[in-house]
Amino acid sequence: MSYQAGDILFFAKGTGNPIGDTIVADFTASDIVHCAIAVSPLLKVEAVFAGVVISPIGNAPIVWSYPTDTKVDPYNEASMARALLWLHGTVGEGYGFTDLVNALLAHYETTAFIATDTYDCSSLCAEFLQKVGGSPASTITDVHVVTPISLARLLGMVEEKAV
């Protein structure tokens, strides 16, 4: 499959850091444990424990991809260009470990969120989508509590679990 700049890529458990994958999978009760943004057909920007990096898309099995250019409503090329410029500017920043704590606190409906200016994988993708603009990103109230599976659900890639 070929990806375009701005596509959101979702990865399953077993494609990344085994410890991180297990923690995210257990906490979210989902096999969707990582997400990244394609910046070309061959490269992605992602937040990993080493920080925000550009890496090859490679052969890691991508469970779903969200083609931003055809799904965001309304789509605006200038907004996409600004969002991609912002995204490239995040490369080299540290990893948002506090986002993991924020997601845990939000899960237990605790309102004492930790201020952060770094990103984990899902907050990076959510912030990128907000910069692209339009729906559905406009419904995200705090990018720092989003998880890979909650983002996939918001984008309509996965159905909401029945409780």
Protein backbone atom coordinates (compact mmCIF):
# COMPACT_ATOMS: atom_id res chain seq x y z
CA MET A 1 0.00 0.00 0.00
CA SER A 2 1.18 3.51 -0.71
CA TYR A 3 0.79 6.28 1.85
CA GLN A 4 0.61 10.04 1.40
CA ALA A 5 1.92 12.81 3.62
CA GLY A 6 -0.59 13.31 6.42
CA ASP A 7 -1.97 9.76 6.56
CA ILE A 8 -2.35 8.50 10.13
CA LEU A 9 -0.94 4.98 10.50
CA PHE A 10 -2.07 2.56 13.22
CA PHE A 11 0.08 -0.35 14.39
CA ALA A 12 -0.78 -3.52 16.30
CA LYS A 13 0.81 -5.06 19.37
CA GLY A 14 4.02 -6.87 18.51
CA THR A 15 5.30 -4.34 15.97
CA GLY A 16 7.25 -2.10 18.34
CA ASN A 17 8.76 -2.10 21.83
CA PRO A 18 7.54 -5.35 23.48
CA ILE A 19 7.25 -3.84 26.96
CA GLY A 20 5.56 -0.64 25.76
CA ASP A 21 3.23 -2.60 23.48
CA THR A 22 2.15 -4.86 26.34
CA ILE A 23 1.54 -1.96 28.74
CA VAL A 24 -0.56 -0.04 26.19
CA ALA A 25 -2.45 -3.16 25.08
CA ASP A 26 -3.26 -4.15 28.66
CA PHE A 27 -4.26 -0.63 29.73
CA THR A 28 -6.46 0.09 26.70
CA ALA A 29 -7.72 -3.49 26.21
CA SER A 30 -6.79 -3.20 22.54
CA ASP A 31 -4.22 -4.58 20.15
CA ILE A 32 -3.88 -1.10 18.59
CA VAL A 33 -0.85 0.20 20.49
CA HIS A 34 0.90 2.77 18.31
CA CYS A 35 0.20 5.41 15.69
CA ALA A 36 2.33 7.66 13.49
CA ILE A 37 1.99 10.16 10.65
CA ALA A 38 3.24 9.41 7.13
CA VAL A 39 5.33 12.25 5.70
CA SER A 40 6.02 10.47 2.41
CA PRO A 41 5.24 7.06 0.90
CA LEU A 42 8.36 5.70 2.69
CA LEU A 43 8.77 7.75 5.89
CA LYS A 44 6.78 8.48 9.03
CA VAL A 45 7.13 10.77 12.02
CA GLU A 46 6.41 9.04 15.31
CA ALA A 47 6.90 9.48 19.03
CA VAL A 48 8.84 6.57 20.51
CA PHE A 49 10.60 6.27 23.88
CA ALA A 50 13.70 7.87 22.31
CA GLY A 51 11.62 10.93 21.35
CA VAL A 52 10.00 12.22 18.16
CA VAL A 53 11.80 10.71 15.16
CA ILE A 54 11.56 10.28 11.41
CA SER A 55 11.74 6.60 10.54
CA PRO A 56 11.05 4.32 7.58
CA ILE A 57 7.51 3.00 7.26
CA GLY A 58 9.16 -0.31 6.46
CA ASN A 59 7.42 -3.63 6.67
CA ALA A 60 5.76 -3.26 10.06
CA PRO A 61 2.17 -4.37 9.64
CA ILE A 62 -0.08 -1.34 9.59
CA VAL A 63 -3.49 -2.36 10.85
CA TRP A 64 -5.31 0.75 9.58
CA SER A 65 -4.43 3.96 7.84
CA TYR A 66 -6.51 7.11 7.90
CA PRO A 67 -6.13 9.04 4.61
CA THR A 68 -6.37 12.59 5.92
CA ASP A 69 -6.73 14.16 2.48
CA THR A 70 -9.98 12.31 1.77
CA LYS A 71 -11.45 12.04 5.29
CA VAL A 72 -10.96 15.45 6.95
CA ASP A 73 -13.95 17.71 6.35
CA PRO A 74 -13.31 20.31 5.11
CA TYR A 75 -9.85 19.48 3.74
CA ASN A 76 -7.53 22.45 3.22
CA GLU A 77 -4.14 22.05 1.51
CA ALA A 78 -2.67 25.14 3.21
CA SER A 79 -3.65 23.76 6.64
CA MET A 80 -2.09 20.41 5.75
CA ALA A 81 1.14 22.13 4.67
CA ARG A 82 1.28 24.08 7.97
CA ALA A 83 0.55 20.93 9.97
CA LEU A 84 3.33 19.01 8.19
CA LEU A 85 5.74 21.90 8.81
CA TRP A 86 4.80 21.85 12.51
CA LEU A 87 5.23 18.06 12.56
CA HIS A 88 8.75 18.25 11.12
CA GLY A 89 9.54 20.85 13.80
CA THR A 90 8.72 18.32 16.55
CA VAL A 91 11.44 15.91 15.39
CA GLY A 92 14.10 15.71 18.07
CA GLU A 93 11.78 16.59 20.95
CA GLY A 94 11.61 14.23 23.93
CA TYR A 95 8.96 11.59 24.46
CA GLY A 96 5.78 12.54 26.33
CA PHE A 97 5.95 10.14 29.25
CA THR A 98 3.61 12.49 31.13
CA ASP A 99 0.97 11.80 28.45
CA LEU A 100 0.90 8.19 29.63
CA VAL A 101 0.19 9.41 33.17
CA ASN A 102 -2.45 11.84 31.85
CA ALA A 103 -4.21 9.05 29.96
CA LEU A 104 -4.18 6.92 33.11
CA LEU A 105 -5.59 9.79 35.21
CA ALA A 106 -8.28 10.48 32.58
CA HIS A 107 -9.19 6.79 32.53
CA TYR A 108 -10.00 7.03 36.23
CA GLU A 109 -11.75 10.39 35.70
CA THR A 110 -9.17 12.29 37.71
CA THR A 111 -8.93 15.93 36.69
CA ALA A 112 -5.41 16.62 37.98
CA PHE A 113 -3.65 16.52 34.62
CA ILE A 114 0.07 17.08 34.35
CA ALA A 115 1.02 19.98 32.07
CA THR A 116 3.17 18.81 29.19
CA ASP A 117 4.70 20.15 26.02
CA THR A 118 5.94 16.78 24.77
CA TYR A 119 4.06 14.05 22.93
CA ASP A 120 3.47 10.36 23.03
CA CYS A 121 2.43 8.74 19.75
CA SER A 122 -1.30 9.37 20.02
CA SER A 123 -1.03 12.95 21.29
CA LEU A 124 1.35 13.74 18.41
CA CYS A 125 -1.18 12.37 15.90
CA ALA A 126 -4.11 14.13 17.61
CA GLU A 127 -2.27 17.48 17.69
CA PHE A 128 -1.36 17.02 14.03
CA LEU A 129 -5.01 16.39 13.15
CA GLN A 130 -6.06 19.49 15.08
CA LYS A 131 -3.55 21.54 13.09
CA VAL A 132 -4.95 20.09 9.84
CA GLY A 133 -8.35 21.24 11.10
CA GLY A 134 -11.87 20.20 10.28
CA SER A 135 -13.85 17.30 11.59
CA PRO A 136 -13.31 14.94 13.42
CA ALA A 137 -10.26 16.55 15.09
CA SER A 138 -12.37 19.45 16.31
CA THR A 139 -13.97 17.11 18.88
CA ILE A 140 -10.65 16.39 20.67
CA THR A 141 -10.64 18.42 23.87
CA ASP A 142 -7.18 17.42 25.19
CA VAL A 143 -4.62 15.75 22.93
CA HIS A 144 -2.60 14.64 25.96
CA VAL A 145 -5.18 12.07 27.11
CA VAL A 146 -5.78 10.41 23.73
CA THR A 147 -4.70 6.78 23.29
CA PRO A 148 -4.06 4.98 19.98
CA ILE A 149 -7.36 3.09 20.23
CA SER A 150 -9.38 6.14 21.30
CA LEU A 151 -7.99 8.01 18.29
CA ALA A 152 -8.83 5.09 15.98
CA ARG A 153 -12.37 5.09 17.37
CA LEU A 154 -12.71 8.86 16.96
CA LEU A 155 -11.63 8.54 13.33
CA GLY A 156 -14.18 5.78 12.73
CA MET A 157 -11.53 3.14 12.13
CA VAL A 158 -12.72 0.93 15.00
CA GLU A 159 -16.19 0.57 16.48
CA GLU A 160 -16.85 1.67 20.04
CA LYS A 161 -16.84 -1.24 22.48
CA ALA A 162 -20.17 -2.16 24.01
CA VAL A 163 -20.15 -1.85 27.79
